[in-house]
Amino acid sequence: MREFESLKAERVDSQDRDLLIAYCLTLEEEQDLLVMRSAALADWKDRREDVLMHRKHMADYDREGETWDVLAKQLLQIVNKVQLAYKTVLDIDARLDRKRSSLREYQQQMYLTPRSRAGVVPERAEEEDQLDEMEKLLGDPTTQFEAIINGGKHAV
C-alpha cells in the first residue's frame, strides 16, 4: 500500500469547516471523558477496597452489641458510596459510547472511513507517480527475488 502526499481532489473543503470544527471539539470532549472515566474508576476501586477492609475489621467483633451495629451501619454507608461510584463509571461509559458514535458519524460525513470512501477514491496527483529506490525494491516481486539471489544487492 502506498501513501500519497497529494491528491487531485480535496478531502475537506470550506463548506465542511463547521463539520470539521465539531469533529475536533468532539475528539477533545472524548479525551476529557476518558480522563474522567479513569478518575471515576480509580475512585470506585478505592471505595471497594474500603468495604473489604471494613468487613475484615468487623470480623474482630462479636455479632451482637452496640459496636457491631455501628460497624454494620458504617458498612452500609460505604457500600452505598461504592454503588454510587460504580453508577458514575457506567454513566461516563454511556457518554463515551454516544461520543464515539458521534465521532463515527462525523468521520463518515467527511469521508474519513473506508466504507464511506467506497467508490469515491480521488485520483492521484501526477508528480507522485515516480517511485523511489526503496519503493521499486519493495513493490516489484522480481526485483525482491533478484536482490535475495544477489546477496542483498538490489538490481535497480
N, C-alpha and C. Protein backbone atom coordinates (compact mmCIF):
# COMPACT_ATOMS: atom_id res chain seq x y z
N MET A 1 0.85 -1.17 0.00
CA MET A 1 0.00 0.00 0.00
C MET A 1 0.90 1.23 0.00
N ARG A 2 0.60 2.16 -0.89
CA ARG A 2 1.36 3.41 -0.97
C ARG A 2 0.56 4.54 -0.36
N GLU A 3 1.27 5.45 0.27
CA GLU A 3 0.64 6.66 0.76
C GLU A 3 1.03 7.80 -0.17
N PHE A 4 0.10 8.67 -0.43
CA PHE A 4 0.34 9.77 -1.34
C PHE A 4 0.31 11.08 -0.58
N GLU A 5 1.26 11.94 -0.90
CA GLU A 5 1.31 13.23 -0.23
C GLU A 5 0.30 14.22 -0.80
N SER A 6 -0.11 14.01 -2.01
CA SER A 6 -1.07 14.94 -2.60
C SER A 6 -2.04 14.19 -3.51
N LEU A 7 -3.23 14.71 -3.60
CA LEU A 7 -4.29 14.14 -4.43
C LEU A 7 -4.83 15.24 -5.33
N LYS A 8 -5.51 14.84 -6.40
CA LYS A 8 -6.12 15.83 -7.27
C LYS A 8 -7.38 16.41 -6.64
N ALA A 9 -7.95 15.71 -5.69
CA ALA A 9 -9.21 16.16 -5.08
C ALA A 9 -8.94 16.62 -3.65
N GLU A 10 -9.79 17.53 -3.19
CA GLU A 10 -9.70 17.97 -1.81
C GLU A 10 -10.50 17.02 -0.94
N ARG A 11 -9.99 16.73 0.24
CA ARG A 11 -10.70 15.85 1.15
C ARG A 11 -11.77 16.61 1.92
N VAL A 12 -11.45 17.82 2.34
CA VAL A 12 -12.40 18.64 3.09
C VAL A 12 -12.34 20.04 2.48
N ASP A 13 -13.48 20.59 2.14
CA ASP A 13 -13.48 21.93 1.57
C ASP A 13 -14.04 22.93 2.59
N SER A 14 -14.14 24.16 2.17
CA SER A 14 -14.56 25.23 3.09
C SER A 14 -15.99 25.04 3.59
N GLN A 15 -16.81 24.34 2.84
CA GLN A 15 -18.18 24.09 3.29
C GLN A 15 -18.23 23.12 4.46
N ASP A 16 -17.19 22.34 4.61
CA ASP A 16 -17.12 21.37 5.70
C ASP A 16 -16.44 21.94 6.94
N ARG A 17 -16.15 23.22 6.94
CA ARG A 17 -15.41 23.84 8.04
C ARG A 17 -16.11 23.62 9.37
N ASP A 18 -17.39 23.90 9.45
CA ASP A 18 -18.12 23.74 10.71
C ASP A 18 -18.16 22.28 11.15
N LEU A 19 -18.28 21.39 10.18
CA LEU A 19 -18.28 19.97 10.49
C LEU A 19 -16.92 19.53 11.05
N LEU A 20 -15.87 20.05 10.46
CA LEU A 20 -14.52 19.73 10.92
C LEU A 20 -14.28 20.29 12.33
N ILE A 21 -14.75 21.49 12.58
CA ILE A 21 -14.62 22.08 13.93
C ILE A 21 -15.39 21.25 14.94
N ALA A 22 -16.60 20.83 14.61
CA ALA A 22 -17.40 20.00 15.51
C ALA A 22 -16.69 18.66 15.76
N TYR A 23 -16.09 18.10 14.73
CA TYR A 23 -15.35 16.85 14.87
C TYR A 23 -14.18 17.01 15.84
N CYS A 24 -13.42 18.10 15.68
CA CYS A 24 -12.27 18.34 16.56
C CYS A 24 -12.72 18.55 18.01
N LEU A 25 -13.78 19.30 18.21
CA LEU A 25 -14.30 19.51 19.56
C LEU A 25 -14.78 18.20 20.18
N THR A 26 -15.41 17.37 19.38
CA THR A 26 -15.89 16.08 19.88
C THR A 26 -14.72 15.18 20.25
N LEU A 27 -13.64 15.21 19.48
CA LEU A 27 -12.44 14.45 19.84
C LEU A 27 -11.88 14.91 21.18
N GLU A 28 -11.86 16.21 21.38
CA GLU A 28 -11.36 16.76 22.64
C GLU A 28 -12.26 16.36 23.81
N GLU A 29 -13.56 16.40 23.58
CA GLU A 29 -14.50 16.01 24.63
C GLU A 29 -14.35 14.52 24.96
N GLU A 30 -14.07 13.70 23.95
CA GLU A 30 -13.85 12.27 24.20
C GLU A 30 -12.64 12.08 25.10
N GLN A 31 -11.57 12.84 24.84
CA GLN A 31 -10.39 12.73 25.69
C GLN A 31 -10.70 13.14 27.13
N ASP A 32 -11.49 14.20 27.30
CA ASP A 32 -11.89 14.62 28.64
C ASP A 32 -12.70 13.53 29.34
N LEU A 33 -13.58 12.89 28.61
CA LEU A 33 -14.38 11.81 29.19
C LEU A 33 -13.50 10.62 29.59
N LEU A 34 -12.47 10.34 28.82
CA LEU A 34 -11.56 9.25 29.17
C LEU A 34 -10.82 9.56 30.47
N VAL A 35 -10.42 10.81 30.65
CA VAL A 35 -9.77 11.21 31.89
C VAL A 35 -10.74 11.09 33.06
N MET A 36 -11.98 11.56 32.85
CA MET A 36 -13.00 11.46 33.89
C MET A 36 -13.27 10.00 34.24
N ARG A 37 -13.32 9.14 33.24
CA ARG A 37 -13.60 7.73 33.48
C ARG A 37 -12.50 7.08 34.30
N SER A 38 -11.26 7.38 33.97
CA SER A 38 -10.16 6.77 34.72
C SER A 38 -10.17 7.23 36.17
N ALA A 39 -10.51 8.50 36.41
CA ALA A 39 -10.60 9.01 37.79
C ALA A 39 -11.77 8.35 38.52
N ALA A 40 -12.91 8.21 37.87
CA ALA A 40 -14.08 7.59 38.49
C ALA A 40 -13.82 6.11 38.77
N LEU A 41 -13.13 5.44 37.87
CA LEU A 41 -12.81 4.03 38.06
C LEU A 41 -11.86 3.84 39.24
N ALA A 42 -10.87 4.72 39.36
CA ALA A 42 -9.94 4.65 40.50
C ALA A 42 -10.69 4.89 41.81
N ASP A 43 -11.63 5.86 41.81
CA ASP A 43 -12.43 6.13 43.00
C ASP A 43 -13.26 4.91 43.38
N TRP A 44 -13.88 4.28 42.39
CA TRP A 44 -14.69 3.09 42.65
C TRP A 44 -13.84 1.97 43.25
N LYS A 45 -12.64 1.75 42.70
CA LYS A 45 -11.77 0.69 43.21
C LYS A 45 -11.33 0.99 44.65
N ASP A 46 -11.02 2.25 44.94
CA ASP A 46 -10.64 2.62 46.31
C ASP A 46 -11.77 2.37 47.29
N ARG A 47 -12.96 2.77 46.91
CA ARG A 47 -14.12 2.58 47.80
C ARG A 47 -14.42 1.09 47.98
N ARG A 48 -14.24 0.31 46.95
CA ARG A 48 -14.48 -1.13 47.05
C ARG A 48 -13.49 -1.77 48.03
N GLU A 49 -12.25 -1.31 47.99
CA GLU A 49 -11.26 -1.81 48.94
C GLU A 49 -11.59 -1.39 50.36
N ASP A 50 -12.18 -0.19 50.52
CA ASP A 50 -12.62 0.24 51.85
C ASP A 50 -13.65 -0.72 52.42
N VAL A 51 -14.55 -1.20 51.58
CA VAL A 51 -15.56 -2.15 52.03
C VAL A 51 -14.89 -3.43 52.53
N LEU A 52 -13.93 -3.93 51.77
CA LEU A 52 -13.25 -5.16 52.16
C LEU A 52 -12.48 -4.98 53.47
N MET A 53 -11.84 -3.85 53.60
CA MET A 53 -11.11 -3.57 54.85
C MET A 53 -12.08 -3.47 56.03
N HIS A 54 -13.21 -2.82 55.82
CA HIS A 54 -14.19 -2.66 56.90
C HIS A 54 -14.76 -4.02 57.30
N ARG A 55 -14.99 -4.89 56.33
CA ARG A 55 -15.52 -6.23 56.65
C ARG A 55 -14.50 -7.03 57.45
N LYS A 56 -13.21 -6.90 57.12
CA LYS A 56 -12.18 -7.58 57.90
C LYS A 56 -12.15 -7.04 59.33
N HIS A 57 -12.32 -5.74 59.45
CA HIS A 57 -12.35 -5.11 60.77
C HIS A 57 -13.55 -5.60 61.57
N MET A 58 -14.69 -5.79 60.90
CA MET A 58 -15.90 -6.25 61.59
C MET A 58 -15.74 -7.68 62.10
N ALA A 59 -14.88 -8.47 61.46
CA ALA A 59 -14.70 -9.86 61.89
C ALA A 59 -14.09 -9.96 63.29
N ASP A 60 -13.45 -8.88 63.73
CA ASP A 60 -12.83 -8.88 65.07
C ASP A 60 -13.85 -8.71 66.19
N TYR A 61 -15.07 -8.34 65.88
CA TYR A 61 -16.09 -8.06 66.90
C TYR A 61 -17.16 -9.14 66.91
N ASP A 62 -17.82 -9.26 68.05
CA ASP A 62 -18.95 -10.18 68.17
C ASP A 62 -20.10 -9.63 67.35
N ARG A 63 -20.97 -10.54 66.92
CA ARG A 63 -22.11 -10.14 66.09
C ARG A 63 -23.19 -9.43 66.88
N GLU A 64 -23.06 -9.36 68.13
CA GLU A 64 -24.05 -8.66 68.94
C GLU A 64 -23.38 -7.54 69.70
N GLY A 65 -24.15 -6.55 69.94
CA GLY A 65 -23.62 -5.42 70.71
C GLY A 65 -23.71 -4.14 69.92
N GLU A 66 -23.48 -3.08 70.65
CA GLU A 66 -23.61 -1.75 70.06
C GLU A 66 -22.52 -1.48 69.03
N THR A 67 -21.33 -1.95 69.28
CA THR A 67 -20.21 -1.73 68.34
C THR A 67 -20.50 -2.39 67.00
N TRP A 68 -21.04 -3.60 67.05
CA TRP A 68 -21.39 -4.31 65.81
C TRP A 68 -22.43 -3.54 65.02
N ASP A 69 -23.44 -3.01 65.68
CA ASP A 69 -24.48 -2.25 64.99
C ASP A 69 -23.90 -1.00 64.32
N VAL A 70 -23.02 -0.31 65.02
CA VAL A 70 -22.38 0.89 64.45
C VAL A 70 -21.54 0.50 63.23
N LEU A 71 -20.78 -0.58 63.34
CA LEU A 71 -19.95 -1.02 62.22
C LEU A 71 -20.81 -1.46 61.03
N ALA A 72 -21.95 -2.12 61.32
CA ALA A 72 -22.84 -2.54 60.24
C ALA A 72 -23.43 -1.33 59.52
N LYS A 73 -23.81 -0.30 60.27
CA LYS A 73 -24.34 0.93 59.64
C LYS A 73 -23.26 1.61 58.81
N GLN A 74 -22.03 1.63 59.32
CA GLN A 74 -20.94 2.23 58.56
C GLN A 74 -20.68 1.45 57.27
N LEU A 75 -20.75 0.12 57.37
CA LEU A 75 -20.56 -0.70 56.18
C LEU A 75 -21.63 -0.42 55.13
N LEU A 76 -22.85 -0.27 55.58
CA LEU A 76 -23.95 0.02 54.66
C LEU A 76 -23.72 1.37 53.96
N GLN A 77 -23.24 2.35 54.70
CA GLN A 77 -22.95 3.66 54.09
C GLN A 77 -21.83 3.55 53.07
N ILE A 78 -20.80 2.78 53.41
CA ILE A 78 -19.68 2.62 52.48
C ILE A 78 -20.13 1.88 51.22
N VAL A 79 -20.95 0.85 51.38
CA VAL A 79 -21.46 0.10 50.22
C VAL A 79 -22.29 1.00 49.32
N ASN A 80 -23.10 1.88 49.90
CA ASN A 80 -23.89 2.82 49.10
C ASN A 80 -22.98 3.75 48.30
N LYS A 81 -21.88 4.17 48.92
CA LYS A 81 -20.93 5.02 48.20
C LYS A 81 -20.25 4.25 47.05
N VAL A 82 -19.98 2.97 47.27
CA VAL A 82 -19.39 2.15 46.22
C VAL A 82 -20.36 2.02 45.05
N GLN A 83 -21.63 1.81 45.35
CA GLN A 83 -22.62 1.69 44.28
C GLN A 83 -22.77 2.99 43.51
N LEU A 84 -22.73 4.13 44.21
CA LEU A 84 -22.80 5.43 43.51
C LEU A 84 -21.57 5.64 42.63
N ALA A 85 -20.41 5.24 43.13
CA ALA A 85 -19.19 5.39 42.33
C ALA A 85 -19.26 4.51 41.08
N TYR A 86 -19.80 3.30 41.22
CA TYR A 86 -19.92 2.41 40.07
C TYR A 86 -20.93 2.96 39.06
N LYS A 87 -22.01 3.53 39.56
CA LYS A 87 -23.00 4.16 38.68
C LYS A 87 -22.37 5.31 37.90
N THR A 88 -21.50 6.06 38.55
CA THR A 88 -20.79 7.14 37.88
C THR A 88 -19.94 6.61 36.73
N VAL A 89 -19.24 5.50 36.96
CA VAL A 89 -18.43 4.88 35.91
C VAL A 89 -19.32 4.46 34.75
N LEU A 90 -20.46 3.84 35.06
CA LEU A 90 -21.37 3.40 33.99
C LEU A 90 -21.94 4.59 33.22
N ASP A 91 -22.26 5.67 33.92
CA ASP A 91 -22.77 6.87 33.24
C ASP A 91 -21.72 7.46 32.29
N ILE A 92 -20.49 7.49 32.74
CA ILE A 92 -19.42 8.02 31.88
C ILE A 92 -19.20 7.10 30.69
N ASP A 93 -19.30 5.78 30.91
CA ASP A 93 -19.19 4.83 29.78
C ASP A 93 -20.28 5.08 28.74
N ALA A 94 -21.50 5.34 29.21
CA ALA A 94 -22.60 5.61 28.28
C ALA A 94 -22.33 6.89 27.50
N ARG A 95 -21.82 7.90 28.18
CA ARG A 95 -21.48 9.15 27.48
C ARG A 95 -20.37 8.93 26.47
N LEU A 96 -19.39 8.10 26.82
CA LEU A 96 -18.31 7.79 25.88
C LEU A 96 -18.84 7.07 24.65
N ASP A 97 -19.75 6.14 24.85
CA ASP A 97 -20.34 5.43 23.71
C ASP A 97 -21.06 6.39 22.77
N ARG A 98 -21.82 7.31 23.34
CA ARG A 98 -22.53 8.29 22.49
C ARG A 98 -21.54 9.22 21.78
N LYS A 99 -20.47 9.61 22.48
CA LYS A 99 -19.47 10.49 21.87
C LYS A 99 -18.77 9.77 20.72
N ARG A 100 -18.44 8.50 20.92
CA ARG A 100 -17.78 7.74 19.85
C ARG A 100 -18.70 7.52 18.67
N SER A 101 -19.97 7.37 18.94
CA SER A 101 -20.94 7.25 17.85
C SER A 101 -20.99 8.55 17.04
N SER A 102 -20.97 9.67 17.74
CA SER A 102 -20.94 10.97 17.04
C SER A 102 -19.68 11.11 16.20
N LEU A 103 -18.56 10.69 16.75
CA LEU A 103 -17.30 10.76 16.00
C LEU A 103 -17.37 9.92 14.74
N ARG A 104 -17.94 8.73 14.84
CA ARG A 104 -18.06 7.86 13.67
C ARG A 104 -18.95 8.51 12.61
N GLU A 105 -20.03 9.16 13.03
CA GLU A 105 -20.90 9.85 12.07
C GLU A 105 -20.16 10.99 11.39
N TYR A 106 -19.39 11.77 12.16
CA TYR A 106 -18.61 12.85 11.56
C TYR A 106 -17.60 12.29 10.57
N GLN A 107 -16.93 11.19 10.91
CA GLN A 107 -15.96 10.60 10.02
C GLN A 107 -16.61 10.15 8.71
N GLN A 108 -17.79 9.57 8.80
CA GLN A 108 -18.48 9.14 7.59
C GLN A 108 -18.92 10.32 6.74
N GLN A 109 -19.37 11.39 7.38
CA GLN A 109 -19.80 12.57 6.63
C GLN A 109 -18.64 13.24 5.92
N MET A 110 -17.43 13.13 6.50
CA MET A 110 -16.26 13.75 5.88
C MET A 110 -15.44 12.74 5.07
N TYR A 111 -16.02 11.57 4.81
CA TYR A 111 -15.36 10.53 4.02
C TYR A 111 -14.01 10.12 4.64
N LEU A 112 -13.96 9.95 5.94
CA LEU A 112 -12.73 9.56 6.61
C LEU A 112 -12.69 8.08 6.96
N THR A 113 -13.75 7.34 6.66
CA THR A 113 -13.76 5.91 6.92
C THR A 113 -13.68 5.16 5.59
N PRO A 114 -13.11 3.97 5.59
CA PRO A 114 -13.00 3.21 4.33
C PRO A 114 -14.36 2.94 3.69
N ARG A 115 -15.36 2.68 4.50
CA ARG A 115 -16.68 2.37 3.97
C ARG A 115 -17.31 3.60 3.30
N SER A 116 -17.12 4.77 3.90
CA SER A 116 -17.71 5.97 3.32
C SER A 116 -16.98 6.40 2.05
N ARG A 117 -15.72 5.97 1.91
CA ARG A 117 -14.95 6.33 0.71
C ARG A 117 -15.16 5.35 -0.42
N ALA A 118 -15.87 4.29 -0.22
CA ALA A 118 -16.04 3.27 -1.26
C ALA A 118 -16.62 3.91 -2.52
N GLY A 119 -15.90 3.78 -3.59
CA GLY A 119 -16.34 4.33 -4.87
C GLY A 119 -16.06 5.81 -5.02
N VAL A 120 -15.43 6.43 -4.03
CA VAL A 120 -15.16 7.86 -4.08
C VAL A 120 -13.66 8.09 -3.88
N VAL A 121 -12.85 7.25 -4.50
CA VAL A 121 -11.41 7.38 -4.33
C VAL A 121 -10.90 8.49 -5.24
N PRO A 122 -10.26 9.50 -4.69
CA PRO A 122 -9.74 10.59 -5.53
C PRO A 122 -8.53 10.12 -6.34
N GLU A 123 -8.32 10.77 -7.44
CA GLU A 123 -7.19 10.42 -8.30
C GLU A 123 -5.90 10.93 -7.67
N ARG A 124 -4.82 10.24 -8.02
CA ARG A 124 -3.52 10.65 -7.52
C ARG A 124 -3.01 11.85 -8.30
N ALA A 125 -2.19 12.64 -7.65
CA ALA A 125 -1.53 13.74 -8.35
C ALA A 125 -0.43 13.16 -9.24
N GLU A 126 -0.15 13.81 -10.34
CA GLU A 126 0.78 13.28 -11.33
C GLU A 126 2.21 13.16 -10.81
N GLU A 127 2.66 14.11 -10.02
CA GLU A 127 4.06 14.12 -9.59
C GLU A 127 4.38 12.98 -8.63
N GLU A 128 3.40 12.29 -8.13
CA GLU A 128 3.60 11.21 -7.18
C GLU A 128 3.89 9.88 -7.85
N ASP A 129 3.82 9.80 -9.18
CA ASP A 129 3.93 8.52 -9.85
C ASP A 129 5.35 7.97 -9.91
N GLN A 130 6.38 8.80 -9.67
CA GLN A 130 7.73 8.29 -9.70
C GLN A 130 8.00 7.55 -8.39
N LEU A 131 8.56 6.36 -8.52
CA LEU A 131 8.89 5.56 -7.35
C LEU A 131 10.34 5.81 -6.97
N ASP A 132 10.60 5.89 -5.67
CA ASP A 132 11.98 5.99 -5.25
C ASP A 132 12.59 4.58 -5.23
N GLU A 133 13.89 4.50 -4.92
CA GLU A 133 14.60 3.22 -5.00
C GLU A 133 14.00 2.17 -4.06
N MET A 134 13.62 2.57 -2.86
CA MET A 134 13.07 1.62 -1.89
C MET A 134 11.71 1.11 -2.34
N GLU A 135 10.87 2.00 -2.90
CA GLU A 135 9.55 1.56 -3.38
C GLU A 135 9.69 0.61 -4.56
N LYS A 136 10.67 0.86 -5.40
CA LYS A 136 10.91 -0.05 -6.51
C LYS A 136 11.29 -1.43 -6.00
N LEU A 137 12.15 -1.45 -5.00
CA LEU A 137 12.60 -2.71 -4.43
C LEU A 137 11.46 -3.45 -3.75
N LEU A 138 10.65 -2.73 -2.99
CA LEU A 138 9.57 -3.37 -2.25
C LEU A 138 8.35 -3.66 -3.11
N GLY A 139 8.16 -2.90 -4.17
CA GLY A 139 6.95 -3.03 -4.96
C GLY A 139 6.98 -4.14 -6.01
N ASP A 140 8.14 -4.51 -6.48
CA ASP A 140 8.25 -5.47 -7.58
C ASP A 140 8.80 -6.80 -7.04
N PRO A 141 8.02 -7.88 -7.12
CA PRO A 141 8.49 -9.17 -6.58
C PRO A 141 9.73 -9.71 -7.29
N THR A 142 9.86 -9.46 -8.60
CA THR A 142 11.05 -9.96 -9.30
C THR A 142 12.30 -9.23 -8.81
N THR A 143 12.17 -7.96 -8.53
CA THR A 143 13.30 -7.20 -8.00
C THR A 143 13.68 -7.71 -6.62
N GLN A 144 12.68 -8.04 -5.81
CA GLN A 144 12.95 -8.58 -4.48
C GLN A 144 13.68 -9.91 -4.61
N PHE A 145 13.23 -10.76 -5.53
CA PHE A 145 13.86 -12.06 -5.73
C PHE A 145 15.29 -11.91 -6.19
N GLU A 146 15.52 -10.99 -7.14
CA GLU A 146 16.88 -10.74 -7.62
C GLU A 146 17.77 -10.22 -6.51
N ALA A 147 17.22 -9.39 -5.63
CA ALA A 147 18.00 -8.85 -4.53
C ALA A 147 18.40 -9.96 -3.56
N ILE A 148 17.52 -10.91 -3.35
CA ILE A 148 17.83 -12.04 -2.45
C ILE A 148 18.92 -12.91 -3.07
N ILE A 149 18.81 -13.16 -4.38
CA ILE A 149 19.78 -14.02 -5.06
C ILE A 149 21.16 -13.34 -5.11
N ASN A 150 21.18 -12.03 -5.33
CA ASN A 150 22.44 -11.30 -5.43
C ASN A 150 23.05 -11.01 -4.07
N GLY A 151 22.50 -11.55 -3.01
CA GLY A 151 23.12 -11.39 -1.70
C GLY A 151 22.86 -10.04 -1.07
N GLY A 152 21.68 -9.49 -1.29
CA GLY A 152 21.34 -8.22 -0.65
C GLY A 152 21.58 -7.01 -1.52
N LYS A 153 22.24 -7.18 -2.65
CA LYS A 153 22.44 -6.05 -3.57
C LYS A 153 21.28 -6.05 -4.54
N HIS A 154 20.49 -4.97 -4.49
CA HIS A 154 19.31 -4.95 -5.36
C HIS A 154 19.70 -4.56 -6.78
N ALA A 155 18.90 -5.00 -7.72
CA ALA A 155 19.20 -4.84 -9.15
C ALA A 155 18.47 -3.67 -9.74
N VAL A 156 18.26 -2.62 -8.99
CA VAL A 156 17.54 -1.46 -9.50
C VAL A 156 18.51 -0.48 -10.09
